[in-house]
């Protein structure tokens, strides 16, 4: 997936991070490190054609991360979220 000129930008002071890995465990490990630094607002996971996992996070770059959450809590989808229009 390539970004396009029409991709909406995240809200001010937020950043979207996309992690692609061979296994879900590797993607989650990287996401956990990021969540230790920044408060996260969304997490979405998708299979990658041919195998692997793509994990998307939206983080608040102005807010420090809160107390660590369990994998179960962080793996639950946020309400009202879904794939971006360009994603399956």
C-alpha atoms as a PDB file:
ATOM      1  CA  UNK A   1       0.000   0.000   0.000  1.00  0.00           C
ATOM      2  CA  UNK A   2       1.438   3.338  -1.060  1.00  0.00           C
ATOM      3  CA  UNK A   3       0.331   6.643   0.449  1.00  0.00           C
ATOM      4  CA  UNK A   4      -1.479   8.981  -1.903  1.00  0.00           C
ATOM      5  CA  UNK A   5      -1.985  12.716  -2.060  1.00  0.00           C
ATOM      6  CA  UNK A   6      -5.578  12.183  -0.923  1.00  0.00           C
ATOM      7  CA  UNK A   7      -4.746  10.305   2.291  1.00  0.00           C
ATOM      8  CA  UNK A   8      -6.147  12.260   5.220  1.00  0.00           C
ATOM      9  CA  UNK A   9      -3.606  13.442   7.754  1.00  0.00           C
ATOM     10  CA  UNK A  10      -4.006  12.382  11.375  1.00  0.00           C
ATOM     11  CA  UNK A  11      -5.234  14.941  13.888  1.00  0.00           C
ATOM     12  CA  UNK A  12      -2.709  17.536  15.038  1.00  0.00           C
ATOM     13  CA  UNK A  13      -0.206  16.083  17.533  1.00  0.00           C
ATOM     14  CA  UNK A  14      -1.053  12.501  16.480  1.00  0.00           C
ATOM     15  CA  UNK A  15       0.952  10.105  14.334  1.00  0.00           C
ATOM     16  CA  UNK A  16      -0.046   6.932  12.519  1.00  0.00           C
ATOM     17  CA  UNK A  17       2.423   4.056  12.718  1.00  0.00           C
ATOM     18  CA  UNK A  18       2.271   0.957  10.531  1.00  0.00           C
ATOM     19  CA  UNK A  19       4.235  -2.140  11.495  1.00  0.00           C
ATOM     20  CA  UNK A  20       4.621  -5.040   9.074  1.00  0.00           C
ATOM     21  CA  UNK A  21       6.147  -8.275  10.339  1.00  0.00           C
ATOM     22  CA  UNK A  22       6.270 -11.972   9.608  1.00  0.00           C
ATOM     23  CA  UNK A  23       4.421 -12.837  12.827  1.00  0.00           C
ATOM     24  CA  UNK A  24       1.746 -11.184  14.993  1.00  0.00           C
ATOM     25  CA  UNK A  25       4.026 -11.610  18.010  1.00  0.00           C
ATOM     26  CA  UNK A  26       6.777  -9.504  16.428  1.00  0.00           C
ATOM     27  CA  UNK A  27       4.313  -6.733  15.524  1.00  0.00           C
ATOM     28  CA  UNK A  28       2.897  -6.715  19.060  1.00  0.00           C
ATOM     29  CA  UNK A  29       6.386  -6.555  20.581  1.00  0.00           C
ATOM     30  CA  UNK A  30       7.225  -3.447  18.550  1.00  0.00           C
ATOM     31  CA  UNK A  31       3.836  -1.897  19.353  1.00  0.00           C
ATOM     32  CA  UNK A  32       4.419  -2.462  23.076  1.00  0.00           C
ATOM     33  CA  UNK A  33       7.672  -0.485  22.942  1.00  0.00           C
ATOM     34  CA  UNK A  34       5.926   2.390  21.160  1.00  0.00           C
ATOM     35  CA  UNK A  35       3.055   2.351  23.669  1.00  0.00           C
ATOM     36  CA  UNK A  36       5.559   2.761  26.511  1.00  0.00           C
ATOM     37  CA  UNK A  37       6.446   6.181  25.086  1.00  0.00           C
ATOM     38  CA  UNK A  38       3.177   7.509  23.679  1.00  0.00           C
ATOM     39  CA  UNK A  39      -0.477   7.251  24.569  1.00  0.00           C
ATOM     40  CA  UNK A  40      -2.214   5.188  21.913  1.00  0.00           C
ATOM     41  CA  UNK A  41      -5.676   5.924  20.628  1.00  0.00           C
ATOM     42  CA  UNK A  42      -6.237   3.065  18.174  1.00  0.00           C
ATOM     43  CA  UNK A  43      -4.831  -0.310  17.225  1.00  0.00           C
ATOM     44  CA  UNK A  44      -5.814  -2.338  14.176  1.00  0.00           C
ATOM     45  CA  UNK A  45      -4.379  -5.566  12.849  1.00  0.00           C
ATOM     46  CA  UNK A  46      -4.614  -7.010   9.334  1.00  0.00           C
ATOM     47  CA  UNK A  47      -3.195 -10.068   7.590  1.00  0.00           C
ATOM     48  CA  UNK A  48      -0.583  -9.384   4.921  1.00  0.00           C
ATOM     49  CA  UNK A  49      -1.057 -11.130   1.565  1.00  0.00           C
ATOM     50  CA  UNK A  50       1.399 -14.011   1.429  1.00  0.00           C
ATOM     51  CA  UNK A  51       1.598 -14.261   5.229  1.00  0.00           C
ATOM     52  CA  UNK A  52       2.528 -11.917   8.015  1.00  0.00           C
ATOM     53  CA  UNK A  53       0.779  -9.203   9.960  1.00  0.00           C
ATOM     54  CA  UNK A  54       0.255  -5.489   9.499  1.00  0.00           C
ATOM     55  CA  UNK A  55      -0.471  -3.583  12.704  1.00  0.00           C
ATOM     56  CA  UNK A  56      -1.579   0.052  12.683  1.00  0.00           C
ATOM     57  CA  UNK A  57      -1.388   2.342  15.698  1.00  0.00           C
ATOM     58  CA  UNK A  58      -2.423   5.944  16.163  1.00  0.00           C
ATOM     59  CA  UNK A  59      -0.470   7.644  18.937  1.00  0.00           C
ATOM     60  CA  UNK A  60      -0.779  10.981  20.693  1.00  0.00           C
ATOM     61  CA  UNK A  61       2.670  12.537  20.453  1.00  0.00           C
ATOM     62  CA  UNK A  62       1.967  15.100  23.167  1.00  0.00           C
ATOM     63  CA  UNK A  63       0.709  12.697  25.830  1.00  0.00           C
ATOM     64  CA  UNK A  64       3.016  10.357  27.675  1.00  0.00           C
ATOM     65  CA  UNK A  65       1.941   6.754  27.958  1.00  0.00           C
ATOM     66  CA  UNK A  66      -0.061   5.799  30.995  1.00  0.00           C
ATOM     67  CA  UNK A  67       0.380   2.666  33.072  1.00  0.00           C
ATOM     68  CA  UNK A  68       1.178  -0.447  31.082  1.00  0.00           C
ATOM     69  CA  UNK A  69      -1.863  -2.393  29.892  1.00  0.00           C
ATOM     70  CA  UNK A  70      -2.172  -6.123  29.349  1.00  0.00           C
ATOM     71  CA  UNK A  71      -2.031  -7.630  25.880  1.00  0.00           C
ATOM     72  CA  UNK A  72      -5.738  -8.513  26.190  1.00  0.00           C
ATOM     73  CA  UNK A  73      -6.708  -4.917  26.922  1.00  0.00           C
ATOM     74  CA  UNK A  74      -4.624  -3.540  24.059  1.00  0.00           C
ATOM     75  CA  UNK A  75      -5.869  -6.132  21.558  1.00  0.00           C
ATOM     76  CA  UNK A  76      -9.540  -5.187  21.931  1.00  0.00           C
ATOM     77  CA  UNK A  77     -10.696  -2.952  19.101  1.00  0.00           C
ATOM     78  CA  UNK A  78     -11.641   0.600  19.978  1.00  0.00           C
ATOM     79  CA  UNK A  79     -15.308   1.358  19.370  1.00  0.00           C
ATOM     80  CA  UNK A  80     -16.155   3.142  16.177  1.00  0.00           C
ATOM     81  CA  UNK A  81     -12.915   2.239  14.413  1.00  0.00           C
ATOM     82  CA  UNK A  82     -12.247   0.192  11.349  1.00  0.00           C
ATOM     83  CA  UNK A  83      -9.905  -0.048   8.413  1.00  0.00           C
ATOM     84  CA  UNK A  84      -8.893   3.077   6.598  1.00  0.00           C
ATOM     85  CA  UNK A  85     -10.712   3.476   3.266  1.00  0.00           C
ATOM     86  CA  UNK A  86      -7.676   2.252   1.295  1.00  0.00           C
ATOM     87  CA  UNK A  87      -7.328  -0.940   3.368  1.00  0.00           C
ATOM     88  CA  UNK A  88      -9.141  -4.266   3.053  1.00  0.00           C
END
